[in-house]
Amino acid sequence: MTDDRNEMLREKLNQPIVSSAHLAAGASPALSEFEFGLILAVHAFERWIVGCMAASGVPNLSKIEVLILHFVRHRDRPKRFSDIARILDIEETHVVAYAVRKLETAKLVATKRDGKEKLVSVTRQGIEVCSRYGAVREQLLVKPLRSSGPSEDVLSDLGEKLRALSGYYDQAARSAATV
């Protein structure tokens, strides 16, 4: 009986780590393994950015608000609502509008009209918060990652691959909408 248990254990340990075995049973078990890793990474990243922002002195922002603040801060140029939605892949513009209003109330961004467009720019207070966020990120994430994590080249390659895979998922989502 012990040999049977050991064999069953070896068999279980050699299977991919997935969240849905019924999906891993298809033509690409590796894709299911990747998707489980992606699920875990996305949720960990979302917890991280909210926690890092809280550690930076702004505890009540959502993940979308944190992402929008950093994108608006990017290159210190005002951003249109439509650009924010497109870059961050937010389909519903009211989500952007609500987040920008909350950031504006917190005095982290300011809005102004440019014809029919509404532009969002980061305030001095927003720049200070982003700088504190960067310092916390360097200390709590970058420093440990550099000492024992993947190299800069590997991280860059992973980023490139994830962006490419997002195109496959987007195309599959469009196709699924027509089924």
N, C-alpha and C. Protein backbone atom coordinates (compact mmCIF):
# COMPACT_ATOMS: atom_id res chain seq x y z
N MET A 1 0.82 -1.21 0.00
CA MET A 1 0.00 0.00 0.00
C MET A 1 0.86 1.26 0.00
N THR A 2 1.98 1.24 0.71
CA THR A 2 2.86 2.40 0.78
C THR A 2 3.43 2.74 -0.59
N ASP A 3 3.80 1.72 -1.37
CA ASP A 3 4.31 1.97 -2.72
C ASP A 3 3.25 2.64 -3.59
N ASP A 4 1.99 2.25 -3.46
CA ASP A 4 0.90 2.87 -4.22
C ASP A 4 0.74 4.34 -3.84
N ARG A 5 0.82 4.62 -2.53
CA ARG A 5 0.71 6.01 -2.07
C ARG A 5 1.87 6.85 -2.58
N ASN A 6 3.06 6.31 -2.52
CA ASN A 6 4.23 7.03 -3.01
C ASN A 6 4.10 7.31 -4.51
N GLU A 7 3.62 6.33 -5.25
CA GLU A 7 3.43 6.52 -6.70
C GLU A 7 2.38 7.60 -6.98
N MET A 8 1.29 7.57 -6.22
CA MET A 8 0.24 8.59 -6.39
C MET A 8 0.80 9.97 -6.06
N LEU A 9 1.59 10.06 -5.00
CA LEU A 9 2.19 11.33 -4.62
C LEU A 9 3.13 11.84 -5.70
N ARG A 10 3.98 10.96 -6.24
CA ARG A 10 4.89 11.36 -7.32
C ARG A 10 4.10 11.85 -8.53
N GLU A 11 3.01 11.17 -8.84
CA GLU A 11 2.18 11.56 -9.98
C GLU A 11 1.57 12.95 -9.76
N LYS A 12 1.07 13.21 -8.56
CA LYS A 12 0.48 14.52 -8.25
C LYS A 12 1.53 15.62 -8.31
N LEU A 13 2.72 15.36 -7.82
CA LEU A 13 3.77 16.38 -7.80
C LEU A 13 4.29 16.70 -9.20
N ASN A 14 4.12 15.82 -10.14
CA ASN A 14 4.59 16.06 -11.51
C ASN A 14 3.56 16.78 -12.37
N GLN A 15 2.39 17.08 -11.82
CA GLN A 15 1.36 17.78 -12.58
C GLN A 15 1.59 19.28 -12.48
N PRO A 16 1.16 20.02 -13.53
CA PRO A 16 1.30 21.48 -13.46
C PRO A 16 0.45 22.06 -12.33
N ILE A 17 0.89 23.18 -11.80
CA ILE A 17 0.15 23.85 -10.74
C ILE A 17 -0.83 24.81 -11.42
N VAL A 18 -2.10 24.48 -11.33
CA VAL A 18 -3.15 25.25 -12.02
C VAL A 18 -4.30 25.51 -11.07
N SER A 19 -5.19 26.43 -11.45
CA SER A 19 -6.37 26.70 -10.63
C SER A 19 -7.57 25.92 -11.15
N SER A 20 -7.51 25.43 -12.38
CA SER A 20 -8.65 24.73 -12.99
C SER A 20 -8.14 23.53 -13.77
N ALA A 21 -8.13 22.37 -13.12
CA ALA A 21 -7.61 21.17 -13.76
C ALA A 21 -8.36 20.82 -15.04
N HIS A 22 -9.65 21.16 -15.07
CA HIS A 22 -10.44 20.85 -16.28
C HIS A 22 -9.95 21.66 -17.49
N LEU A 23 -9.38 22.84 -17.26
CA LEU A 23 -8.81 23.61 -18.37
C LEU A 23 -7.42 23.11 -18.73
N ALA A 24 -6.68 22.65 -17.74
CA ALA A 24 -5.33 22.13 -17.99
C ALA A 24 -5.36 20.81 -18.75
N ALA A 25 -6.52 20.17 -18.78
CA ALA A 25 -6.65 18.89 -19.48
C ALA A 25 -6.72 19.08 -21.00
N GLY A 26 -6.78 20.31 -21.47
CA GLY A 26 -6.86 20.58 -22.90
C GLY A 26 -5.51 20.50 -23.58
N ALA A 27 -5.42 21.16 -24.73
CA ALA A 27 -4.22 21.07 -25.57
C ALA A 27 -3.02 21.82 -25.01
N SER A 28 -3.23 22.74 -24.05
CA SER A 28 -2.10 23.50 -23.52
C SER A 28 -2.16 23.60 -22.00
N PRO A 29 -1.72 22.54 -21.30
CA PRO A 29 -1.67 22.64 -19.84
C PRO A 29 -0.74 23.76 -19.36
N ALA A 30 0.29 24.05 -20.15
CA ALA A 30 1.22 25.13 -19.78
C ALA A 30 0.50 26.48 -19.76
N LEU A 31 -0.46 26.68 -20.65
CA LEU A 31 -1.22 27.94 -20.64
C LEU A 31 -2.02 28.05 -19.35
N SER A 32 -2.60 26.95 -18.89
CA SER A 32 -3.33 26.97 -17.62
C SER A 32 -2.40 27.27 -16.46
N GLU A 33 -1.21 26.74 -16.51
CA GLU A 33 -0.21 27.02 -15.48
C GLU A 33 0.17 28.50 -15.50
N PHE A 34 0.38 29.05 -16.69
CA PHE A 34 0.67 30.47 -16.85
C PHE A 34 -0.47 31.31 -16.31
N GLU A 35 -1.72 30.95 -16.66
CA GLU A 35 -2.88 31.73 -16.22
C GLU A 35 -3.01 31.74 -14.70
N PHE A 36 -2.72 30.62 -14.05
CA PHE A 36 -2.77 30.60 -12.59
C PHE A 36 -1.70 31.53 -12.02
N GLY A 37 -0.51 31.48 -12.59
CA GLY A 37 0.55 32.39 -12.16
C GLY A 37 0.15 33.85 -12.38
N LEU A 38 -0.50 34.11 -13.51
CA LEU A 38 -0.95 35.47 -13.83
C LEU A 38 -2.00 35.94 -12.82
N ILE A 39 -2.94 35.07 -12.48
CA ILE A 39 -3.97 35.41 -11.49
C ILE A 39 -3.30 35.82 -10.18
N LEU A 40 -2.38 34.99 -9.72
CA LEU A 40 -1.69 35.28 -8.46
C LEU A 40 -0.89 36.58 -8.56
N ALA A 41 -0.18 36.77 -9.68
CA ALA A 41 0.64 37.97 -9.86
C ALA A 41 -0.22 39.24 -9.92
N VAL A 42 -1.33 39.19 -10.64
CA VAL A 42 -2.20 40.36 -10.76
C VAL A 42 -2.72 40.77 -9.39
N HIS A 43 -3.23 39.81 -8.64
CA HIS A 43 -3.77 40.15 -7.32
C HIS A 43 -2.67 40.62 -6.36
N ALA A 44 -1.50 40.01 -6.42
CA ALA A 44 -0.39 40.45 -5.57
C ALA A 44 0.04 41.87 -5.95
N PHE A 45 0.11 42.14 -7.26
CA PHE A 45 0.49 43.47 -7.72
C PHE A 45 -0.52 44.51 -7.26
N GLU A 46 -1.81 44.19 -7.38
CA GLU A 46 -2.84 45.14 -6.96
C GLU A 46 -2.75 45.42 -5.45
N ARG A 47 -2.55 44.36 -4.65
CA ARG A 47 -2.37 44.58 -3.20
C ARG A 47 -1.14 45.43 -2.94
N TRP A 48 -0.07 45.16 -3.70
CA TRP A 48 1.19 45.89 -3.52
C TRP A 48 1.01 47.38 -3.80
N ILE A 49 0.42 47.73 -4.92
CA ILE A 49 0.36 49.16 -5.26
C ILE A 49 -0.51 49.94 -4.28
N VAL A 50 -1.58 49.32 -3.80
CA VAL A 50 -2.43 49.98 -2.81
C VAL A 50 -1.68 50.09 -1.48
N GLY A 51 -0.98 49.02 -1.09
CA GLY A 51 -0.20 49.05 0.15
C GLY A 51 0.96 50.01 0.08
N CYS A 52 1.62 50.07 -1.06
CA CYS A 52 2.75 51.00 -1.22
C CYS A 52 2.25 52.45 -1.16
N MET A 53 1.09 52.70 -1.76
CA MET A 53 0.54 54.06 -1.71
C MET A 53 0.15 54.41 -0.28
N ALA A 54 -0.39 53.45 0.46
CA ALA A 54 -0.73 53.70 1.87
C ALA A 54 0.54 54.01 2.66
N ALA A 55 1.61 53.24 2.42
CA ALA A 55 2.88 53.49 3.10
C ALA A 55 3.48 54.83 2.70
N SER A 56 3.06 55.35 1.56
CA SER A 56 3.54 56.64 1.07
C SER A 56 2.71 57.80 1.61
N GLY A 57 1.72 57.49 2.44
CA GLY A 57 0.94 58.54 3.09
C GLY A 57 -0.45 58.76 2.53
N VAL A 58 -0.87 57.96 1.55
CA VAL A 58 -2.21 58.12 0.98
C VAL A 58 -2.91 56.75 1.04
N PRO A 59 -3.59 56.49 2.17
CA PRO A 59 -4.10 55.14 2.41
C PRO A 59 -5.42 54.78 1.74
N ASN A 60 -6.13 55.71 1.19
CA ASN A 60 -7.49 55.40 0.75
C ASN A 60 -7.68 55.37 -0.77
N LEU A 61 -6.63 55.11 -1.52
CA LEU A 61 -6.78 55.04 -2.97
C LEU A 61 -7.00 53.60 -3.42
N SER A 62 -7.80 53.45 -4.46
CA SER A 62 -8.02 52.13 -5.06
C SER A 62 -6.88 51.85 -6.03
N LYS A 63 -6.81 50.62 -6.50
CA LYS A 63 -5.77 50.25 -7.46
C LYS A 63 -5.88 51.09 -8.73
N ILE A 64 -7.08 51.35 -9.20
CA ILE A 64 -7.27 52.16 -10.42
C ILE A 64 -6.78 53.59 -10.18
N GLU A 65 -7.08 54.13 -9.02
CA GLU A 65 -6.64 55.49 -8.71
C GLU A 65 -5.12 55.59 -8.62
N VAL A 66 -4.49 54.57 -8.05
CA VAL A 66 -3.01 54.56 -7.99
C VAL A 66 -2.44 54.51 -9.40
N LEU A 67 -2.98 53.62 -10.24
CA LEU A 67 -2.49 53.51 -11.62
C LEU A 67 -2.68 54.81 -12.39
N ILE A 68 -3.83 55.43 -12.23
CA ILE A 68 -4.10 56.69 -12.93
C ILE A 68 -3.15 57.78 -12.45
N LEU A 69 -2.93 57.88 -11.15
CA LEU A 69 -2.00 58.90 -10.63
C LEU A 69 -0.62 58.72 -11.26
N HIS A 70 -0.11 57.50 -11.30
CA HIS A 70 1.21 57.28 -11.87
C HIS A 70 1.23 57.56 -13.38
N PHE A 71 0.17 57.20 -14.08
CA PHE A 71 0.15 57.48 -15.51
C PHE A 71 0.09 58.99 -15.78
N VAL A 72 -0.70 59.70 -15.00
CA VAL A 72 -0.77 61.17 -15.17
C VAL A 72 0.58 61.79 -14.85
N ARG A 73 1.29 61.24 -13.88
CA ARG A 73 2.64 61.73 -13.52
C ARG A 73 3.67 61.42 -14.61
N HIS A 74 3.43 60.37 -15.39
CA HIS A 74 4.36 59.93 -16.44
C HIS A 74 4.75 61.08 -17.37
N ARG A 75 6.00 61.39 -17.41
CA ARG A 75 6.59 62.43 -18.26
C ARG A 75 6.05 63.83 -18.00
N ASP A 76 5.32 64.01 -16.92
CA ASP A 76 4.85 65.33 -16.49
C ASP A 76 4.13 66.11 -17.59
N ARG A 77 3.34 65.41 -18.38
CA ARG A 77 2.51 66.08 -19.39
C ARG A 77 1.05 65.79 -19.08
N PRO A 78 0.18 66.78 -19.26
CA PRO A 78 -1.25 66.53 -19.04
C PRO A 78 -1.75 65.39 -19.93
N LYS A 79 -2.72 64.62 -19.39
CA LYS A 79 -3.28 63.49 -20.11
C LYS A 79 -4.77 63.69 -20.33
N ARG A 80 -5.24 63.28 -21.49
CA ARG A 80 -6.68 63.31 -21.76
C ARG A 80 -7.33 62.09 -21.12
N PHE A 81 -8.60 62.23 -20.75
CA PHE A 81 -9.34 61.11 -20.18
C PHE A 81 -9.28 59.91 -21.12
N SER A 82 -9.44 60.15 -22.40
CA SER A 82 -9.44 59.04 -23.37
C SER A 82 -8.09 58.33 -23.42
N ASP A 83 -6.99 59.08 -23.25
CA ASP A 83 -5.66 58.46 -23.22
C ASP A 83 -5.48 57.61 -21.96
N ILE A 84 -5.96 58.11 -20.84
CA ILE A 84 -5.88 57.36 -19.59
C ILE A 84 -6.62 56.03 -19.75
N ALA A 85 -7.83 56.10 -20.27
CA ALA A 85 -8.64 54.89 -20.45
C ALA A 85 -7.97 53.93 -21.43
N ARG A 86 -7.44 54.44 -22.51
CA ARG A 86 -6.83 53.57 -23.53
C ARG A 86 -5.56 52.90 -23.01
N ILE A 87 -4.66 53.67 -22.42
CA ILE A 87 -3.38 53.13 -21.94
C ILE A 87 -3.60 52.11 -20.82
N LEU A 88 -4.52 52.41 -19.91
CA LEU A 88 -4.75 51.51 -18.78
C LEU A 88 -5.80 50.46 -19.10
N ASP A 89 -6.30 50.44 -20.35
CA ASP A 89 -7.27 49.45 -20.81
C ASP A 89 -8.52 49.43 -19.94
N ILE A 90 -9.05 50.63 -19.70
CA ILE A 90 -10.28 50.78 -18.93
C ILE A 90 -11.40 51.08 -19.93
N GLU A 91 -12.34 50.16 -20.06
CA GLU A 91 -13.39 50.29 -21.06
C GLU A 91 -14.45 51.32 -20.67
N GLU A 92 -14.69 51.46 -19.41
CA GLU A 92 -15.77 52.32 -18.95
C GLU A 92 -15.21 53.67 -18.50
N THR A 93 -15.51 54.71 -19.27
CA THR A 93 -14.94 56.03 -19.00
C THR A 93 -15.39 56.60 -17.67
N HIS A 94 -16.57 56.19 -17.18
CA HIS A 94 -17.01 56.71 -15.88
C HIS A 94 -16.08 56.25 -14.75
N VAL A 95 -15.40 55.12 -14.94
CA VAL A 95 -14.42 54.66 -13.94
C VAL A 95 -13.27 55.66 -13.87
N VAL A 96 -12.81 56.10 -15.02
CA VAL A 96 -11.74 57.10 -15.08
C VAL A 96 -12.23 58.41 -14.47
N ALA A 97 -13.42 58.84 -14.84
CA ALA A 97 -13.96 60.11 -14.33
C ALA A 97 -14.08 60.08 -12.81
N TYR A 98 -14.58 58.99 -12.26
CA TYR A 98 -14.72 58.88 -10.81
C TYR A 98 -13.36 58.92 -10.13
N ALA A 99 -12.41 58.15 -10.67
CA ALA A 99 -11.07 58.09 -10.08
C ALA A 99 -10.40 59.46 -10.13
N VAL A 100 -10.51 60.15 -11.26
CA VAL A 100 -9.90 61.47 -11.38
C VAL A 100 -10.53 62.45 -10.39
N ARG A 101 -11.86 62.38 -10.22
CA ARG A 101 -12.51 63.25 -9.24
C ARG A 101 -11.96 62.99 -7.84
N LYS A 102 -11.79 61.71 -7.49
CA LYS A 102 -11.26 61.37 -6.17
C LYS A 102 -9.82 61.88 -6.01
N LEU A 103 -9.01 61.71 -7.05
CA LEU A 103 -7.63 62.21 -7.01
C LEU A 103 -7.60 63.73 -6.94
N GLU A 104 -8.53 64.36 -7.61
CA GLU A 104 -8.62 65.83 -7.58
C GLU A 104 -9.03 66.31 -6.19
N THR A 105 -9.98 65.63 -5.57
CA THR A 105 -10.40 65.97 -4.21
C THR A 105 -9.23 65.84 -3.24
N ALA A 106 -8.38 64.84 -3.47
CA ALA A 106 -7.19 64.64 -2.63
C ALA A 106 -6.06 65.59 -2.99
N LYS A 107 -6.29 66.45 -3.98
CA LYS A 107 -5.32 67.44 -4.45
C LYS A 107 -4.05 66.82 -5.05
N LEU A 108 -4.21 65.62 -5.63
CA LEU A 108 -3.08 64.94 -6.27
C LEU A 108 -3.04 65.21 -7.76
N VAL A 109 -4.17 65.56 -8.35
CA VAL A 109 -4.24 65.95 -9.76
C VAL A 109 -5.14 67.17 -9.89
N ALA A 110 -5.03 67.82 -11.02
CA ALA A 110 -5.90 68.95 -11.35
C ALA A 110 -6.40 68.74 -12.77
N THR A 111 -7.59 69.24 -13.05
CA THR A 111 -8.15 69.11 -14.39
C THR A 111 -8.40 70.49 -14.98
N LYS A 112 -8.36 70.55 -16.31
CA LYS A 112 -8.70 71.77 -17.01
C LYS A 112 -9.24 71.39 -18.38
N ARG A 113 -9.96 72.28 -18.96
CA ARG A 113 -10.54 72.04 -20.28
C ARG A 113 -9.59 72.52 -21.37
N ASP A 114 -9.57 71.76 -22.46
CA ASP A 114 -8.85 72.15 -23.67
C ASP A 114 -9.82 71.86 -24.82
N GLY A 115 -10.65 72.87 -25.12
CA GLY A 115 -11.72 72.65 -26.09
C GLY A 115 -12.73 71.69 -25.50
N LYS A 116 -13.02 70.62 -26.22
CA LYS A 116 -13.98 69.63 -25.73
C LYS A 116 -13.33 68.61 -24.80
N GLU A 117 -12.00 68.57 -24.81
CA GLU A 117 -11.26 67.59 -24.02
C GLU A 117 -11.03 68.10 -22.60
N LYS A 118 -11.00 67.17 -21.66
CA LYS A 118 -10.63 67.48 -20.30
C LYS A 118 -9.25 66.89 -20.07
N LEU A 119 -8.31 67.72 -19.64
CA LEU A 119 -6.94 67.29 -19.39
C LEU A 119 -6.69 67.13 -17.89
N VAL A 120 -5.89 66.15 -17.56
CA VAL A 120 -5.54 65.87 -16.16
C VAL A 120 -4.04 66.03 -16.02
N SER A 121 -3.62 66.76 -15.00
CA SER A 121 -2.18 66.89 -14.74
C SER A 121 -1.95 66.67 -13.25
N VAL A 122 -0.73 66.27 -12.94
CA VAL A 122 -0.38 66.01 -11.55
C VAL A 122 -0.05 67.33 -10.86
N THR A 123 -0.41 67.44 -9.61
CA THR A 123 -0.11 68.63 -8.81
C THR A 123 1.23 68.44 -8.12
N ARG A 124 1.70 69.50 -7.49
CA ARG A 124 2.93 69.40 -6.71
C ARG A 124 2.78 68.34 -5.61
N GLN A 125 1.62 68.33 -4.96
CA GLN A 125 1.37 67.33 -3.92
C GLN A 125 1.37 65.93 -4.53
N GLY A 126 0.82 65.77 -5.72
CA GLY A 126 0.82 64.48 -6.41
C GLY A 126 2.23 64.03 -6.75
N ILE A 127 3.07 64.98 -7.17
CA ILE A 127 4.47 64.66 -7.47
C ILE A 127 5.18 64.18 -6.21
N GLU A 128 4.93 64.86 -5.08
CA GLU A 128 5.55 64.47 -3.81
C GLU A 128 5.12 63.06 -3.40
N VAL A 129 3.84 62.76 -3.56
CA VAL A 129 3.33 61.43 -3.22
C VAL A 129 3.98 60.38 -4.12
N CYS A 130 4.07 60.66 -5.42
CA CYS A 130 4.70 59.72 -6.35
C CYS A 130 6.18 59.50 -6.00
N SER A 131 6.85 60.56 -5.54
CA SER A 131 8.25 60.43 -5.13
C SER A 131 8.38 59.56 -3.89
N ARG A 132 7.48 59.76 -2.92
CA ARG A 132 7.51 58.90 -1.72
C ARG A 132 7.20 57.46 -2.10
N TYR A 133 6.25 57.26 -3.00
CA TYR A 133 5.91 55.92 -3.48
C TYR A 133 7.15 55.27 -4.10
N GLY A 134 7.87 56.04 -4.92
CA GLY A 134 9.08 55.52 -5.55
C GLY A 134 10.12 55.11 -4.53
N ALA A 135 10.26 55.89 -3.46
CA ALA A 135 11.24 55.56 -2.42
C ALA A 135 10.83 54.29 -1.67
N VAL A 136 9.55 54.16 -1.35
CA VAL A 136 9.06 52.95 -0.68
C VAL A 136 9.24 51.75 -1.59
N ARG A 137 8.94 51.92 -2.87
CA ARG A 137 9.09 50.83 -3.86
C ARG A 137 10.55 50.37 -3.95
N GLU A 138 11.47 51.34 -4.00
CA GLU A 138 12.89 50.99 -4.07
C GLU A 138 13.31 50.17 -2.85
N GLN A 139 12.88 50.61 -1.68
CA GLN A 139 13.29 49.94 -0.44
C GLN A 139 12.64 48.58 -0.27
N LEU A 140 11.34 48.48 -0.49
CA LEU A 140 10.61 47.26 -0.15
C LEU A 140 10.49 46.25 -1.30
N LEU A 141 10.62 46.70 -2.54
CA LEU A 141 10.44 45.79 -3.66
C LEU A 141 11.70 45.66 -4.51
N VAL A 142 12.24 46.77 -4.96
CA VAL A 142 13.38 46.73 -5.87
C VAL A 142 14.61 46.15 -5.19
N LYS A 143 14.92 46.63 -4.00
CA LYS A 143 16.13 46.17 -3.31
C LYS A 143 16.13 44.65 -3.09
N PRO A 144 15.07 44.05 -2.52
CA PRO A 144 15.07 42.59 -2.36
C PRO A 144 15.04 41.85 -3.70
N LEU A 145 14.35 42.39 -4.66
CA LEU A 145 14.26 41.75 -5.98
C LEU A 145 15.62 41.71 -6.66
N ARG A 146 16.38 42.79 -6.54
CA ARG A 146 17.70 42.84 -7.17
C ARG A 146 18.68 41.88 -6.53
N SER A 147 18.49 41.61 -5.24
CA SER A 147 19.44 40.72 -4.56
C SER A 147 19.15 39.24 -4.81
N SER A 148 17.88 38.89 -5.08
CA SER A 148 17.60 37.46 -5.23
C SER A 148 16.60 37.13 -6.34
N GLY A 149 16.14 38.13 -7.06
CA GLY A 149 15.13 37.88 -8.08
C GLY A 149 15.73 37.81 -9.47
N PRO A 150 14.86 37.85 -10.46
CA PRO A 150 15.34 37.81 -11.85
C PRO A 150 16.12 39.07 -12.22
N SER A 151 16.97 38.94 -13.24
CA SER A 151 17.78 40.07 -13.70
C SER A 151 16.90 41.09 -14.41
N GLU A 152 17.47 42.26 -14.65
CA GLU A 152 16.77 43.30 -15.40
C GLU A 152 16.39 42.81 -16.79
N ASP A 153 17.29 42.07 -17.44
CA ASP A 153 17.00 41.53 -18.78
C ASP A 153 15.82 40.57 -18.75
N VAL A 154 15.77 39.70 -17.75
CA VAL A 154 14.67 38.75 -17.63
C VAL A 154 13.36 39.49 -17.37
N LEU A 155 13.38 40.48 -16.47
CA LEU A 155 12.17 41.26 -16.20
C LEU A 155 11.68 41.98 -17.45
N SER A 156 12.61 42.56 -18.20
CA SER A 156 12.25 43.26 -19.43
C SER A 156 11.63 42.29 -20.43
N ASP A 157 12.23 41.11 -20.56
CA ASP A 157 11.72 40.09 -21.47
C ASP A 157 10.32 39.62 -21.03
N LEU A 158 10.13 39.44 -19.74
CA LEU A 158 8.81 39.05 -19.23
C LEU A 158 7.77 40.12 -19.55
N GLY A 159 8.13 41.38 -19.36
CA GLY A 159 7.21 42.47 -19.68
C GLY A 159 6.82 42.46 -21.14
N GLU A 160 7.79 42.25 -22.02
CA GLU A 160 7.53 42.18 -23.46
C GLU A 160 6.60 41.02 -23.78
N LYS A 161 6.85 39.87 -23.18
CA LYS A 161 6.02 38.69 -23.43
C LYS A 161 4.59 38.89 -22.90
N LEU A 162 4.46 39.51 -21.74
CA LEU A 162 3.12 39.77 -21.19
C LEU A 162 2.33 40.73 -22.08
N ARG A 163 3.00 41.76 -22.61
CA ARG A 163 2.31 42.68 -23.51
C ARG A 163 1.85 41.95 -24.77
N ALA A 164 2.70 41.06 -25.29
CA ALA A 164 2.33 40.28 -26.48
C ALA A 164 1.17 39.34 -26.17
N LEU A 165 1.23 38.67 -25.03
CA LEU A 165 0.15 37.76 -24.66
C LEU A 165 -1.17 38.51 -24.46
N SER A 166 -1.09 39.75 -23.99
CA SER A 166 -2.33 40.52 -23.81
C SER A 166 -3.04 40.69 -25.15
N GLY A 167 -2.29 40.78 -26.23
CA GLY A 167 -2.90 40.86 -27.56
C GLY A 167 -3.67 39.60 -27.92
N TYR A 168 -3.12 38.44 -27.57
CA TYR A 168 -3.82 37.18 -27.82
C TYR A 168 -5.12 37.12 -27.01
N TYR A 169 -5.04 37.52 -25.74
CA TYR A 169 -6.24 37.51 -24.90
C TYR A 169 -7.28 38.51 -25.41
N ASP A 170 -6.84 39.70 -25.84
CA ASP A 170 -7.78 40.68 -26.39
C ASP A 170 -8.47 40.14 -27.64
N GLN A 171 -7.69 39.53 -28.54
CA GLN A 171 -8.27 38.97 -29.76
C GLN A 171 -9.24 37.84 -29.43
N ALA A 172 -8.87 36.99 -28.49
CA ALA A 172 -9.76 35.90 -28.09
C ALA A 172 -11.05 36.44 -27.47
N ALA A 173 -10.93 37.54 -26.72
CA ALA A 173 -12.13 38.16 -26.11
C ALA A 173 -13.06 38.72 -27.19
N ARG A 174 -12.46 39.35 -28.20
CA ARG A 174 -13.28 39.86 -29.32
C ARG A 174 -13.96 38.71 -30.04
N SER A 175 -13.22 37.63 -30.29
CA SER A 175 -13.79 36.47 -30.96
C SER A 175 -14.91 35.85 -30.11
N ALA A 176 -14.69 35.75 -28.81
CA ALA A 176 -15.71 35.17 -27.92
C ALA A 176 -17.00 35.98 -27.94
N ALA A 177 -16.88 37.29 -28.14
CA ALA A 177 -18.07 38.14 -28.18
C ALA A 177 -18.93 37.87 -29.40
N THR A 178 -18.37 37.24 -30.41
CA THR A 178 -19.14 36.95 -31.64
C THR A 178 -19.70 35.54 -31.67
N VAL A 179 -19.34 34.74 -30.68
CA VAL A 179 -19.81 33.34 -30.65
C VAL A 179 -21.25 33.27 -30.18
